[in-house]
Amino acid sequence: MRYNILVAMKILQIGFIFSVLLLIGCVFSGCVTQQSQPPNCGNGVFDVGETCVNCPEDVGPCSGGRIMKMLKAYASSYPETLVNTLLTYDVIQMSADYYDSQALLVAVKQQKPEIIFYSYEFPWAYGPSADAPKSHPIEWAEIDTHEEWFLHTDDTLGNPGSGTQRIHFKAGDYYLMNIAPGSGWIDAYKQILQWTIEPEQGSADGWHFDVCMTKIQLKKDAPMITTEIYQNWEFWVVNLMNEFRIAFPNKRVGANCDPYAPYFDGINGIPGFNDVEAELFINPTWKPFDENHPGYSEEACLSHMNFYKYYMDRGVHVRVTDGCYMTWYWKWVTDPKNNPPYPTPEEATKIHNIFRLSLACFLLINSATYWNNSCFSFNKLREGTPETPYYGYYGTEMDYDWGTPLGDFYAIKGLFEPTGLYARDFTNGTVYANISTEHSFTIKVNGQEVVIPPRGAWFPGDTI
C-alpha cells in the first residue's frame, strides 16, 4: 500500500515538472492563444474554429491562391508602353474620360478581357472644367441649362433644386449637384455611366465614386449648404448608390466611403454598400516619415481589420488602397528635381516595410469564401517629370501563391508577453503581422529564430 502511494506521488511530481517545463517553453517560444469551441458544421453560422476544410457547409468551398492586385491611375495621358504595366494587375481604377485613356483601356481589355475596370466618377459636383475632353453623352453646355440639377442657397424647403443661387464646391468652377431622390441629375448621370461601359470607352465593369463625403466633410468644402442639405446629405448619398445599383445590376457600384461605415448596412430601409474602398486601412497618414504619426495604435488597427473582415466575409467587395497617400509622398521623394535626391535608402526601406505590413494585414482578413471579391493596392500611378514620367509602387510579395486559407487569423503571444503579433495559416505558408508600435516578437522559421520588429511583417518567401 505504501509502495503504491509513493509511486502515485512520484507520477504527480513528474507531471508537475513536465507542466512547468511546458509553461517555460511557452514563455520563451510563444504560444498560440485562441478562444475556440467545437465547430458546429451545418448550422449556417461561421462558428469559431470552422474552416473551409473542416466545415465547407458553413464556410463555403475553399478558395485562395494569389491575391487580386489593383492599380490606381491618375494622369491626363498614358503612353502605349503602359499597357504591359496594366496587364500585370487584376483591377484598374482609372477615369474613362481622361484624354487618351480610352485607347489604353481598350488595348488592355482586348489582351486581358477578365481585368476589372472601375471608372472614376464624381456625381456630387460638376462644372465647366469637369467636361470630358472627348465626346460625352451630356456636355456642360446642356447641364448648365438645367438649373434644377444644381443645389442652391435659396432652394425652397422640401424642394431641392428650386432656387437660382448655386453653391460652389471647393475652389474653381465646380458646383454642388442635386443628388436628392427624384432629381433629374441622377437620370442624367446614368447616361454618363452608360457611356463608360461602351467598348470604345474601355468597357467599364463598374465605377469608383470618389470623395464620398459625410455631411460634416461637405460643410468644409461647400460652406454655403442649407440646413436641409446638411441634414439629408448622407441619406441622399446612400440612396444615390442604390439607384445606380438598380439601374446597372451587373456592374460594381463602389465608393470611397470609409467615413460612411455607420451606413454600410443601410439607412432608412435603403440597402447599404456592397463595394467600398478602404483608403486608410492601417496607415492614417500620407507622411510616412512624420514621427508624430507612427501609424494606428494596435487597438485601432485591429478594429479596422475586424470591421472590414466582417464585410469581406459577407461578400462585400473591399478595395484596400492603403498606399494611396503613401505614393503621393513617394512621387515627391523620387522627383529628380529634389535636392538632395530622394528617397534615401532608409526612407525607401521604411516605405517598403509599411507596404509589407499593410499587405500582411489584408491577408489576415481576406475572406476564404470570397477570396477574389476583394483586392489590394499600394500605389497610385501618376504622371511626373520627363526624367521619371510615371510614379507607382510595386512589391513582389503581392505575387505569392498562398494556396488555401486554413482558417481565420489568430493572436500569438507567450506567457507574460504583450499582444500585437497576429498570423494566418495557408496551405503554402504562414503570414505574420506585428501591429504593435512598441514591441518586437520572435518566431521560429525552419528551426531558426526571426525577429519581427514593431509594425513589421513576415512572409514565407523572406530570407532568414
Foldseek 3Di string as FASTA:
>chain_A
DVVVVVVVVVVVVVVVVVVVVVQVCLFPFWDFDDDADPDDAPPQAPHGPDDLVPHCRNQNHFDFWFFAAEEAEDELDDDLVCLVVVLVGQEYEEALLRHPVLVSLLVNCVVPVRRAYAHEDALFKDFQVNARPDDAPDGPVRVVVQQQQFAALPADVPRGSPDRHFFDFADDGMTGTDLAPPGPSLVVVLRRVVVCCDSSSNNHQYYEHEPLDQLVVRCVGGVSDDPNCSVCVLVSSQVSLQVSCVVPVRGAYEYQPPVCLVAQCHDPPRGHHLEYEAQAQFQDALPCPPPVRVTDALVVNVVSLVSVLVSLSVNRAYEYAPQPSVQVVVQVQCPVVDPPHDDDPVVVVSLVQLVLQSVLSCVQRHRRNNRHSYYYHNWYWYADDPVGGITIDDDCVSNGTQATWGRHKGWIGGVVGDTQKIWTHGPRGMKIFRQHQQDWDWHADPNDIDIAGHRGMDDPVDDD
